[in-house]
Protein backbone atom coordinates (compact mmCIF):
# COMPACT_ATOMS: atom_id res chain seq x y z
CA UNK A 1 16.71 -18.55 3.94
CA UNK A 2 17.40 -15.96 6.92
CA UNK A 3 15.90 -12.08 5.90
CA UNK A 4 18.39 -9.57 6.49
CA UNK A 5 15.85 -7.35 8.34
CA UNK A 6 14.35 -9.33 10.32
CA UNK A 7 16.61 -12.16 10.75
CA UNK A 8 13.64 -14.46 10.95
CA UNK A 9 12.91 -17.23 8.19
CA UNK A 10 11.79 -16.04 5.69
CA UNK A 11 9.12 -17.78 4.19
CA UNK A 12 8.35 -17.13 0.78
CA UNK A 13 4.69 -18.98 0.84
CA UNK A 14 3.85 -16.87 3.90
CA UNK A 15 5.36 -13.40 2.80
CA UNK A 16 3.55 -13.10 -0.64
CA UNK A 17 -0.43 -14.44 1.62
CA UNK A 18 0.38 -11.72 3.89
CA UNK A 19 0.96 -9.69 0.70
CA UNK A 20 -2.19 -10.99 -1.08
CA UNK A 21 -4.58 -10.68 2.33
CA UNK A 22 -3.45 -6.88 2.11
CA UNK A 23 -4.53 -6.15 -1.17
CA UNK A 24 -7.74 -7.94 -0.66
CA UNK A 25 -7.71 -5.42 2.52
CA UNK A 26 -7.19 -2.33 0.87
CA UNK A 27 -8.66 -3.09 -3.06
CA UNK A 28 -12.23 -5.09 -1.09
CA UNK A 29 -14.10 -6.80 -3.47
CA UNK A 30 -12.30 -4.67 -6.49
CA UNK A 31 -9.07 -7.05 -5.76
CA UNK A 32 -9.46 -9.47 -8.31
CA UNK A 33 -10.06 -7.08 -11.40
CA UNK A 34 -7.35 -4.82 -9.40
CA UNK A 35 -5.27 -7.73 -9.74
CA UNK A 36 -6.53 -8.84 -12.95
CA UNK A 37 -5.49 -5.45 -14.96
CA UNK A 38 -2.02 -5.06 -13.44
CA UNK A 39 -1.64 -9.07 -15.13
CA UNK A 40 -2.77 -7.93 -18.52
CA UNK A 41 -0.26 -5.66 -17.64
CA UNK A 42 2.65 -7.68 -17.65
CA UNK A 43 2.48 -11.17 -16.36
CA UNK A 44 4.87 -10.97 -13.63
CA UNK A 45 3.98 -7.41 -12.20
CA UNK A 46 0.70 -8.23 -9.84
CA UNK A 47 3.45 -10.96 -8.33
CA UNK A 48 6.01 -8.27 -7.77
CA UNK A 49 3.09 -5.96 -6.48
CA UNK A 50 2.15 -8.87 -4.72
CA UNK A 51 4.55 -10.97 -3.42
CA UNK A 52 6.78 -7.42 -2.67
CA UNK A 53 5.90 -4.74 -2.54
CA UNK A 54 2.78 -5.57 -0.41
CA UNK A 55 3.71 -8.87 1.43
CA UNK A 56 7.81 -7.84 2.22
CA UNK A 57 7.07 -4.18 2.82
CA UNK A 58 3.90 -3.02 3.19
CA UNK A 59 1.70 -5.19 4.99
CA UNK A 60 5.50 -5.40 8.06
CA UNK A 61 3.21 -4.38 10.73
CA UNK A 62 6.12 -4.16 13.71
CA UNK A 63 6.29 -0.27 13.87
CA UNK A 64 3.54 0.40 11.34
CA UNK A 65 0.18 -0.71 11.04
CA UNK A 66 -1.83 -1.71 7.83
CA UNK A 67 -4.06 1.83 8.30
CA UNK A 68 -0.83 4.29 9.26
CA UNK A 69 1.34 2.12 5.98
CA UNK A 70 -2.02 2.75 3.57
CA UNK A 71 -1.47 6.91 5.22
CA UNK A 72 2.42 6.63 4.18
CA UNK A 73 0.66 5.29 0.62
CA UNK A 74 -1.54 8.19 0.04
CA UNK A 75 1.46 10.83 0.63
CA UNK A 76 4.08 8.86 -1.35
CA UNK A 77 0.89 9.34 -4.11
CA UNK A 78 0.76 12.51 -4.59
CA UNK A 79 4.04 13.66 -5.86
CA UNK A 80 3.52 11.39 -8.15
CA UNK A 81 0.19 12.59 -9.86
CA UNK A 82 -0.92 9.33 -10.15
CA UNK A 83 -4.68 10.04 -9.80
CA UNK A 84 -5.87 6.62 -10.07
CA UNK A 85 -3.91 5.39 -7.46
CA UNK A 86 -4.56 8.09 -5.11
CA UNK A 87 -7.82 7.59 -5.17
CA UNK A 88 -7.77 3.52 -4.31
CA UNK A 89 -5.53 4.28 -1.79
CA UNK A 90 -8.05 6.85 -0.14
CA UNK A 91 -10.41 3.70 0.02
CA UNK A 92 -7.96 1.81 1.27
CA UNK A 93 -7.25 3.52 4.28
CA UNK A 94 -11.13 4.31 4.45
CA UNK A 95 -11.53 0.65 4.90
CA UNK A 96 -8.01 -0.15 7.13
CA UNK A 97 -10.34 2.59 9.49
CA UNK A 98 -8.35 5.41 8.76
CA UNK A 99 -11.76 8.56 8.98
CA UNK A 100 -12.41 10.56 6.18
CA UNK A 101 -10.66 13.82 8.46
CA UNK A 102 -7.85 11.31 9.33
CA UNK A 103 -7.12 10.89 5.13
CA UNK A 104 -7.98 14.78 4.32
CA UNK A 105 -4.75 16.01 6.57
CA UNK A 106 -2.86 13.44 5.11
CA UNK A 107 -3.56 14.57 1.18
CA UNK A 108 -3.33 18.85 2.29
CA UNK A 109 0.07 17.32 4.33
CA UNK A 110 2.01 15.61 1.45
CA UNK A 111 0.82 18.86 -1.07
CA UNK A 112 1.58 21.27 1.69
CA UNK A 113 4.88 18.96 1.82
CA UNK A 114 5.91 19.32 -2.06
CA UNK A 115 4.52 22.62 -2.77
CA UNK A 116 7.37 23.46 0.37
CA UNK A 117 4.60 25.34 2.38
CA UNK A 118 5.68 24.35 4.97
CA UNK A 119 8.13 26.91 6.89
């Protein structure tokens, strides 16, 4: 099967491994615990998050690197008001190389956008 986005052969095992690697990079030593929690909520949830969200989407690095993608994740979590996930992804961004200053800037920008105080 060919991936419609990249026009390259689609290999589920490779995509899943790529997702697992990024997931482990974001969550560090807590990755197994987080994955187990997701699995306990619903068995397919961990699989969808790792293979689809992380594997197909977040680990695609042709345009943005892992650190930049994690900063985008931070921006997308602010309006969702999910503090646990936001904290995890702020830590993940730091693990992937973002400075505290850059993380705080991403948070401020997302909050500004949410409150429409940009212009």
